[in-house]
C-alpha atoms as a PDB file:
ATOM      1  CA  UNK A   1     240.071 319.518 162.330  1.00  0.00           C
ATOM      2  CA  UNK A   2     241.605 323.356 161.769  1.00  0.00           C
ATOM      3  CA  UNK A   3     238.800 326.038 161.695  1.00  0.00           C
ATOM      4  CA  UNK A   4     238.931 326.137 158.213  1.00  0.00           C
ATOM      5  CA  UNK A   5     237.426 322.915 157.661  1.00  0.00           C
ATOM      6  CA  UNK A   6     234.494 323.530 160.399  1.00  0.00           C
ATOM      7  CA  UNK A   7     233.925 326.780 158.469  1.00  0.00           C
ATOM      8  CA  UNK A   8     234.029 325.067 155.206  1.00  0.00           C
ATOM      9  CA  UNK A   9     231.375 321.923 156.768  1.00  0.00           C
ATOM     10  CA  UNK A  10     229.277 324.644 157.971  1.00  0.00           C
ATOM     11  CA  UNK A  11     228.784 326.252 154.335  1.00  0.00           C
ATOM     12  CA  UNK A  12     228.056 322.973 153.230  1.00  0.00           C
ATOM     13  CA  UNK A  13     225.520 322.124 155.884  1.00  0.00           C
ATOM     14  CA  UNK A  14     224.014 325.757 155.177  1.00  0.00           C
ATOM     15  CA  UNK A  15     223.984 325.158 151.432  1.00  0.00           C
ATOM     16  CA  UNK A  16     222.239 321.660 152.019  1.00  0.00           C
ATOM     17  CA  UNK A  17     219.419 323.056 154.477  1.00  0.00           C
ATOM     18  CA  UNK A  18     218.455 325.773 151.917  1.00  0.00           C
ATOM     19  CA  UNK A  19     218.288 323.176 149.329  1.00  0.00           C
ATOM     20  CA  UNK A  20     215.809 321.278 151.487  1.00  0.00           C
ATOM     21  CA  UNK A  21     213.866 324.091 151.932  1.00  0.00           C
ATOM     22  CA  UNK A  22     213.479 325.328 148.231  1.00  0.00           C
ATOM     23  CA  UNK A  23     212.555 321.892 147.368  1.00  0.00           C
ATOM     24  CA  UNK A  24     209.966 322.055 150.011  1.00  0.00           C
ATOM     25  CA  UNK A  25     208.906 325.219 148.536  1.00  0.00           C
ATOM     26  CA  UNK A  26     208.752 324.631 145.129  1.00  0.00           C
ATOM     27  CA  UNK A  27     207.659 321.271 144.391  1.00  0.00           C
ATOM     28  CA  UNK A  28     204.239 319.768 145.380  1.00  0.00           C
ATOM     29  CA  UNK A  29     205.128 316.397 146.520  1.00  0.00           C
ATOM     30  CA  UNK A  30     208.773 315.822 146.966  1.00  0.00           C
ATOM     31  CA  UNK A  31     210.275 312.677 148.934  1.00  0.00           C
ATOM     32  CA  UNK A  32     213.517 311.291 150.513  1.00  0.00           C
ATOM     33  CA  UNK A  33     214.318 308.045 149.522  1.00  0.00           C
ATOM     34  CA  UNK A  34     215.980 306.483 152.408  1.00  0.00           C
ATOM     35  CA  UNK A  35     218.044 303.140 152.474  1.00  0.00           C
ATOM     36  CA  UNK A  36     219.238 303.418 156.216  1.00  0.00           C
ATOM     37  CA  UNK A  37     222.876 303.467 155.082  1.00  0.00           C
ATOM     38  CA  UNK A  38     225.441 306.671 156.407  1.00  0.00           C
ATOM     39  CA  UNK A  39     224.449 308.739 153.035  1.00  0.00           C
ATOM     40  CA  UNK A  40     220.744 308.343 153.781  1.00  0.00           C
ATOM     41  CA  UNK A  41     220.920 308.950 157.627  1.00  0.00           C
ATOM     42  CA  UNK A  42     223.266 312.227 157.218  1.00  0.00           C
ATOM     43  CA  UNK A  43     220.416 313.472 154.916  1.00  0.00           C
ATOM     44  CA  UNK A  44     217.406 312.607 157.239  1.00  0.00           C
ATOM     45  CA  UNK A  45     219.899 314.284 159.726  1.00  0.00           C
ATOM     46  CA  UNK A  46     219.888 317.638 157.332  1.00  0.00           C
ATOM     47  CA  UNK A  47     216.203 317.891 156.615  1.00  0.00           C
ATOM     48  CA  UNK A  48     215.443 317.559 160.747  1.00  0.00           C
ATOM     49  CA  UNK A  49     217.520 320.503 160.979  1.00  0.00           C
ATOM     50  CA  UNK A  50     216.249 322.372 157.688  1.00  0.00           C
ATOM     51  CA  UNK A  51     212.396 322.486 159.140  1.00  0.00           C
ATOM     52  CA  UNK A  52     213.181 321.986 163.238  1.00  0.00           C
ATOM     53  CA  UNK A  53     211.586 322.445 165.209  1.00  0.00           C
ATOM     54  CA  UNK A  54     208.547 321.218 163.214  1.00  0.00           C
ATOM     55  CA  UNK A  55     208.055 317.711 161.129  1.00  0.00           C
ATOM     56  CA  UNK A  56     210.365 317.323 157.724  1.00  0.00           C
ATOM     57  CA  UNK A  57     206.987 318.151 155.584  1.00  0.00           C
ATOM     58  CA  UNK A  58     207.655 315.233 152.853  1.00  0.00           C
ATOM     59  CA  UNK A  59     207.720 311.353 153.225  1.00  0.00           C
ATOM     60  CA  UNK A  60     210.362 309.324 153.577  1.00  0.00           C
ATOM     61  CA  UNK A  61     210.438 306.113 151.441  1.00  0.00           C
ATOM     62  CA  UNK A  62     212.370 303.362 152.308  1.00  0.00           C
ATOM     63  CA  UNK A  63     214.624 301.961 149.610  1.00  0.00           C
ATOM     64  CA  UNK A  64     215.624 298.227 150.432  1.00  0.00           C
ATOM     65  CA  UNK A  65     218.673 298.451 148.179  1.00  0.00           C
ATOM     66  CA  UNK A  66     220.040 295.050 149.209  1.00  0.00           C
ATOM     67  CA  UNK A  67     223.372 295.886 150.271  1.00  0.00           C
ATOM     68  CA  UNK A  68     224.887 294.402 153.310  1.00  0.00           C
END
C-alpha cells in the first residue's frame, strides 16, 4: 500500500472514532448491532479504539442475520 492509502485509511479511522464518541455523548441509549461478520467486527474494533482504555459505553446487541 502506498503512503497515500495509509494516510487516507488513517483519516477514515479517525473520523469513525470521532463519530463513535459523538454518538456516545449525544444519545441516551445507543447500541451497536453485531452479527459477527467482517463489518461488525470492524465496527467493534473501532469502538474499542474510541473508548480505550475503558469499556465501550453502550451494549453490543447480537443480531442473527441467518446468512452463512
